[in-house]
C-alpha atoms as a PDB file:
ATOM      1  CA  UNK A   1       0.559 -12.426  18.127  1.00  0.00           C
ATOM      2  CA  UNK A   2       2.564 -14.961  16.115  1.00  0.00           C
ATOM      3  CA  UNK A   3      -0.671 -16.675  15.039  1.00  0.00           C
ATOM      4  CA  UNK A   4      -2.108 -13.371  13.862  1.00  0.00           C
ATOM      5  CA  UNK A   5       1.050 -12.694  11.834  1.00  0.00           C
ATOM      6  CA  UNK A   6       0.882 -16.155  10.280  1.00  0.00           C
ATOM      7  CA  UNK A   7      -2.808 -15.770   9.500  1.00  0.00           C
ATOM      8  CA  UNK A   8      -2.255 -12.365   7.918  1.00  0.00           C
ATOM      9  CA  UNK A   9       0.688 -13.695   5.910  1.00  0.00           C
ATOM     10  CA  UNK A  10      -1.477 -16.568   4.637  1.00  0.00           C
ATOM     11  CA  UNK A  11      -4.275 -14.109   3.834  1.00  0.00           C
ATOM     12  CA  UNK A  12      -1.825 -12.011   1.786  1.00  0.00           C
ATOM     13  CA  UNK A  13      -0.777 -15.024  -0.280  1.00  0.00           C
ATOM     14  CA  UNK A  14      -4.074 -14.819  -2.152  1.00  0.00           C
ATOM     15  CA  UNK A  15      -3.556 -12.992  -5.444  1.00  0.00           C
ATOM     16  CA  UNK A  16      -7.168 -11.858  -5.483  1.00  0.00           C
ATOM     17  CA  UNK A  17      -6.957 -10.374  -1.984  1.00  0.00           C
ATOM     18  CA  UNK A  18      -3.847  -8.446  -2.959  1.00  0.00           C
ATOM     19  CA  UNK A  19      -5.378  -7.202  -6.221  1.00  0.00           C
ATOM     20  CA  UNK A  20      -8.835  -6.283  -4.994  1.00  0.00           C
ATOM     21  CA  UNK A  21      -8.140  -5.231  -1.381  1.00  0.00           C
ATOM     22  CA  UNK A  22      -4.472  -4.506  -0.633  1.00  0.00           C
ATOM     23  CA  UNK A  23      -3.462  -2.724  -3.857  1.00  0.00           C
ATOM     24  CA  UNK A  24      -6.419  -0.298  -3.878  1.00  0.00           C
ATOM     25  CA  UNK A  25      -5.756   0.556  -0.229  1.00  0.00           C
ATOM     26  CA  UNK A  26      -2.057   1.099  -0.980  1.00  0.00           C
ATOM     27  CA  UNK A  27      -2.777   3.247  -4.036  1.00  0.00           C
ATOM     28  CA  UNK A  28      -5.220   5.433  -2.111  1.00  0.00           C
ATOM     29  CA  UNK A  29      -2.824   5.728   0.847  1.00  0.00           C
ATOM     30  CA  UNK A  30       0.107   6.668  -1.407  1.00  0.00           C
ATOM     31  CA  UNK A  31      -1.933   9.168  -3.408  1.00  0.00           C
ATOM     32  CA  UNK A  32      -3.293  10.743  -0.205  1.00  0.00           C
ATOM     33  CA  UNK A  33       0.223  10.946   1.229  1.00  0.00           C
ATOM     34  CA  UNK A  34       1.476  12.610  -1.962  1.00  0.00           C
ATOM     35  CA  UNK A  35      -1.426  14.908  -2.760  1.00  0.00           C
ATOM     36  CA  UNK A  36      -3.649  15.086   0.322  1.00  0.00           C
ATOM     37  CA  UNK A  37      -7.048  16.495  -0.483  1.00  0.00           C
ATOM     38  CA  UNK A  38      -5.935  17.212  -4.054  1.00  0.00           C
ATOM     39  CA  UNK A  39      -5.981  13.492  -4.898  1.00  0.00           C
ATOM     40  CA  UNK A  40      -7.123  13.016  -8.490  1.00  0.00           C
ATOM     41  CA  UNK A  41     -10.097  10.773  -9.148  1.00  0.00           C
ATOM     42  CA  UNK A  42     -10.928  10.199 -12.806  1.00  0.00           C
ATOM     43  CA  UNK A  43     -14.445   8.726 -12.997  1.00  0.00           C
ATOM     44  CA  UNK A  44     -14.000   7.032 -16.381  1.00  0.00           C
ATOM     45  CA  UNK A  45     -11.548   4.620 -14.764  1.00  0.00           C
ATOM     46  CA  UNK A  46     -14.279   3.320 -12.446  1.00  0.00           C
ATOM     47  CA  UNK A  47     -15.946   1.123 -15.104  1.00  0.00           C
ATOM     48  CA  UNK A  48     -12.614  -0.693 -15.547  1.00  0.00           C
ATOM     49  CA  UNK A  49     -12.471  -1.371 -11.815  1.00  0.00           C
ATOM     50  CA  UNK A  50     -15.970  -2.814 -11.914  1.00  0.00           C
ATOM     51  CA  UNK A  51     -15.354  -4.738 -15.145  1.00  0.00           C
ATOM     52  CA  UNK A  52     -12.095  -6.272 -13.902  1.00  0.00           C
ATOM     53  CA  UNK A  53     -13.541  -7.325 -10.573  1.00  0.00           C
ATOM     54  CA  UNK A  54     -16.743  -8.735 -12.046  1.00  0.00           C
ATOM     55  CA  UNK A  55     -14.825 -10.564 -14.761  1.00  0.00           C
ATOM     56  CA  UNK A  56     -12.589 -12.160 -12.151  1.00  0.00           C
ATOM     57  CA  UNK A  57     -15.477 -13.061  -9.827  1.00  0.00           C
ATOM     58  CA  UNK A  58     -18.010 -14.271 -12.430  1.00  0.00           C
ATOM     59  CA  UNK A  59     -15.473 -16.252 -14.453  1.00  0.00           C
ATOM     60  CA  UNK A  60     -14.159 -17.786 -11.221  1.00  0.00           C
ATOM     61  CA  UNK A  61     -17.662 -18.942 -10.334  1.00  0.00           C
ATOM     62  CA  UNK A  62     -18.104 -20.267 -13.881  1.00  0.00           C
ATOM     63  CA  UNK A  63     -14.803 -22.145 -13.734  1.00  0.00           C
ATOM     64  CA  UNK A  64     -15.626 -23.779 -10.399  1.00  0.00           C
ATOM     65  CA  UNK A  65     -19.094 -24.742 -11.582  1.00  0.00           C
ATOM     66  CA  UNK A  66     -18.225 -26.144 -15.002  1.00  0.00           C
ATOM     67  CA  UNK A  67     -14.511 -26.970 -14.838  1.00  0.00           C
ATOM     68  CA  UNK A  68     -14.190 -28.379 -11.362  1.00  0.00           C
ATOM     69  CA  UNK A  69     -10.998 -28.082  -9.395  1.00  0.00           C
ATOM     70  CA  UNK A  70     -10.401 -25.428  -6.829  1.00  0.00           C
ATOM     71  CA  UNK A  71      -9.543 -21.792  -6.793  1.00  0.00           C
ATOM     72  CA  UNK A  72      -6.187 -21.237  -8.419  1.00  0.00           C
ATOM     73  CA  UNK A  73      -4.208 -23.847 -10.303  1.00  0.00           C
ATOM     74  CA  UNK A  74      -3.106 -25.704  -7.149  1.00  0.00           C
ATOM     75  CA  UNK A  75      -6.214 -27.835  -7.620  1.00  0.00           C
ATOM     76  CA  UNK A  76      -6.462 -28.027 -11.425  1.00  0.00           C
ATOM     77  CA  UNK A  77      -9.822 -28.269 -13.182  1.00  0.00           C
ATOM     78  CA  UNK A  78     -11.317 -31.686 -13.883  1.00  0.00           C
ATOM     79  CA  UNK A  79     -11.716 -30.905 -17.578  1.00  0.00           C
ATOM     80  CA  UNK A  80     -10.699 -28.345 -20.175  1.00  0.00           C
ATOM     81  CA  UNK A  81     -13.092 -25.439 -20.243  1.00  0.00           C
ATOM     82  CA  UNK A  82     -13.370 -24.308 -23.847  1.00  0.00           C
ATOM     83  CA  UNK A  83     -16.826 -22.731 -23.682  1.00  0.00           C
ATOM     84  CA  UNK A  84     -18.196 -19.561 -22.116  1.00  0.00           C
ATOM     85  CA  UNK A  85     -15.461 -17.011 -21.431  1.00  0.00           C
ATOM     86  CA  UNK A  86     -12.792 -19.666 -22.022  1.00  0.00           C
ATOM     87  CA  UNK A  87     -13.905 -19.869 -25.644  1.00  0.00           C
ATOM     88  CA  UNK A  88     -12.424 -16.386 -26.166  1.00  0.00           C
ATOM     89  CA  UNK A  89      -9.279 -16.310 -23.986  1.00  0.00           C
ATOM     90  CA  UNK A  90      -7.431 -18.902 -21.967  1.00  0.00           C
ATOM     91  CA  UNK A  91      -6.920 -16.684 -18.906  1.00  0.00           C
ATOM     92  CA  UNK A  92      -9.997 -14.527 -18.348  1.00  0.00           C
ATOM     93  CA  UNK A  93      -9.557 -14.465 -14.563  1.00  0.00           C
ATOM     94  CA  UNK A  94      -5.984 -13.175 -14.730  1.00  0.00           C
ATOM     95  CA  UNK A  95      -7.139 -10.713 -17.379  1.00  0.00           C
ATOM     96  CA  UNK A  96      -9.753  -9.479 -14.887  1.00  0.00           C
ATOM     97  CA  UNK A  97      -6.939  -8.695 -12.441  1.00  0.00           C
ATOM     98  CA  UNK A  98      -5.079  -6.699 -15.088  1.00  0.00           C
ATOM     99  CA  UNK A  99      -8.200  -4.798 -16.174  1.00  0.00           C
ATOM    100  CA  UNK A 100      -8.901  -3.921 -12.530  1.00  0.00           C
ATOM    101  CA  UNK A 101      -5.335  -2.701 -11.946  1.00  0.00           C
ATOM    102  CA  UNK A 102      -5.487  -0.634 -15.136  1.00  0.00           C
ATOM    103  CA  UNK A 103      -8.688   0.931 -13.817  1.00  0.00           C
ATOM    104  CA  UNK A 104      -6.907   1.674 -10.547  1.00  0.00           C
ATOM    105  CA  UNK A 105      -4.088   3.446 -12.391  1.00  0.00           C
ATOM    106  CA  UNK A 106      -6.520   5.504 -14.467  1.00  0.00           C
ATOM    107  CA  UNK A 107      -8.969   6.299 -11.666  1.00  0.00           C
ATOM    108  CA  UNK A 108      -6.274   7.693  -9.395  1.00  0.00           C
ATOM    109  CA  UNK A 109      -3.764   8.798 -12.068  1.00  0.00           C
ATOM    110  CA  UNK A 110      -1.264   6.867 -10.002  1.00  0.00           C
ATOM    111  CA  UNK A 111       2.273   6.054 -11.101  1.00  0.00           C
ATOM    112  CA  UNK A 112       2.419   3.492  -8.318  1.00  0.00           C
ATOM    113  CA  UNK A 113      -0.620   1.745  -9.824  1.00  0.00           C
ATOM    114  CA  UNK A 114       0.963   1.922 -13.295  1.00  0.00           C
ATOM    115  CA  UNK A 115       3.976   0.159 -11.786  1.00  0.00           C
ATOM    116  CA  UNK A 116       1.674  -2.519 -10.359  1.00  0.00           C
ATOM    117  CA  UNK A 117       0.150  -3.090 -13.814  1.00  0.00           C
ATOM    118  CA  UNK A 118       3.551  -3.345 -15.511  1.00  0.00           C
ATOM    119  CA  UNK A 119       4.938  -5.668 -12.844  1.00  0.00           C
ATOM    120  CA  UNK A 120       1.851  -7.890 -13.029  1.00  0.00           C
ATOM    121  CA  UNK A 121       1.904  -8.063 -16.828  1.00  0.00           C
ATOM    122  CA  UNK A 122       5.204  -9.908 -16.489  1.00  0.00           C
ATOM    123  CA  UNK A 123       4.223 -11.783 -13.317  1.00  0.00           C
ATOM    124  CA  UNK A 124       0.963 -13.122 -14.774  1.00  0.00           C
ATOM    125  CA  UNK A 125       2.707 -14.049 -18.030  1.00  0.00           C
ATOM    126  CA  UNK A 126       5.237 -16.130 -16.062  1.00  0.00           C
ATOM    127  CA  UNK A 127       2.450 -17.658 -13.992  1.00  0.00           C
ATOM    128  CA  UNK A 128       0.410 -18.499 -17.108  1.00  0.00           C
ATOM    129  CA  UNK A 129       3.362 -20.304 -18.676  1.00  0.00           C
ATOM    130  CA  UNK A 130       3.706 -22.405 -15.504  1.00  0.00           C
ATOM    131  CA  UNK A 131      -0.066 -23.037 -15.367  1.00  0.00           C
ATOM    132  CA  UNK A 132      -0.128 -24.083 -19.010  1.00  0.00           C
ATOM    133  CA  UNK A 133       2.680 -26.577 -18.442  1.00  0.00           C
ATOM    134  CA  UNK A 134       0.639 -28.148 -15.613  1.00  0.00           C
ATOM    135  CA  UNK A 135      -2.524 -28.223 -17.712  1.00  0.00           C
ATOM    136  CA  UNK A 136      -0.661 -29.727 -20.654  1.00  0.00           C
ATOM    137  CA  UNK A 137       0.676 -32.439 -18.330  1.00  0.00           C
ATOM    138  CA  UNK A 138      -2.890 -33.110 -17.104  1.00  0.00           C
ATOM    139  CA  UNK A 139      -4.748 -33.010 -20.428  1.00  0.00           C
ATOM    140  CA  UNK A 140      -2.084 -33.679 -23.083  1.00  0.00           C
ATOM    141  CA  UNK A 141      -2.933 -33.168 -26.736  1.00  0.00           C
ATOM    142  CA  UNK A 142      -6.443 -31.907 -25.976  1.00  0.00           C
ATOM    143  CA  UNK A 143      -4.951 -28.938 -24.138  1.00  0.00           C
ATOM    144  CA  UNK A 144      -2.366 -28.376 -26.880  1.00  0.00           C
ATOM    145  CA  UNK A 145      -5.208 -28.212 -29.417  1.00  0.00           C
ATOM    146  CA  UNK A 146      -7.090 -25.777 -27.171  1.00  0.00           C
ATOM    147  CA  UNK A 147      -3.979 -23.566 -26.928  1.00  0.00           C
ATOM    148  CA  UNK A 148      -3.705 -23.553 -30.718  1.00  0.00           C
ATOM    149  CA  UNK A 149      -7.345 -22.421 -31.061  1.00  0.00           C
ATOM    150  CA  UNK A 150      -7.703 -19.877 -28.250  1.00  0.00           C
ATOM    151  CA  UNK A 151      -5.406 -16.925 -27.579  1.00  0.00           C
ATOM    152  CA  UNK A 152      -3.833 -16.431 -24.178  1.00  0.00           C
ATOM    153  CA  UNK A 153      -4.800 -12.812 -23.442  1.00  0.00           C
ATOM    154  CA  UNK A 154      -6.685 -10.934 -26.189  1.00  0.00           C
ATOM    155  CA  UNK A 155      -9.266 -12.718 -28.349  1.00  0.00           C
ATOM    156  CA  UNK A 156      -7.912 -13.306 -31.855  1.00  0.00           C
ATOM    157  CA  UNK A 157      -4.755 -11.263 -31.192  1.00  0.00           C
ATOM    158  CA  UNK A 158      -2.413 -12.333 -28.394  1.00  0.00           C
END
């Protein structure tokens, strides 16, 4: 039993598992508990769910293939990726998480999901600042120049 708890705890440490598995299950469970069969499902939020997930997954595959390193920043990339999706924003995978969570909030008209989005806006911003410090330590002035050229979240804006 203790091993199962430890394994589940380790499984939950994955940001992607929380975003794409745990949070949707929690949102649905909360909305069902609150509204039962009257749960609202807004279909135009579904494309955001798909977009966010695919952006996360496809950019992750791209990063592993062309940037090296491992999943997450624990094993940093071997080189600065400044092409493909990384030509437009520095954090397209994290942005995929936020797009997905926004789709969750819209699809289910869920205040709980809105809270998840707001919390994660701040959480990912903090995480990005820490990641950028690590990448700057790894790549020096090349990464500083990349940061000056490419926006953190929204191409050409933010």
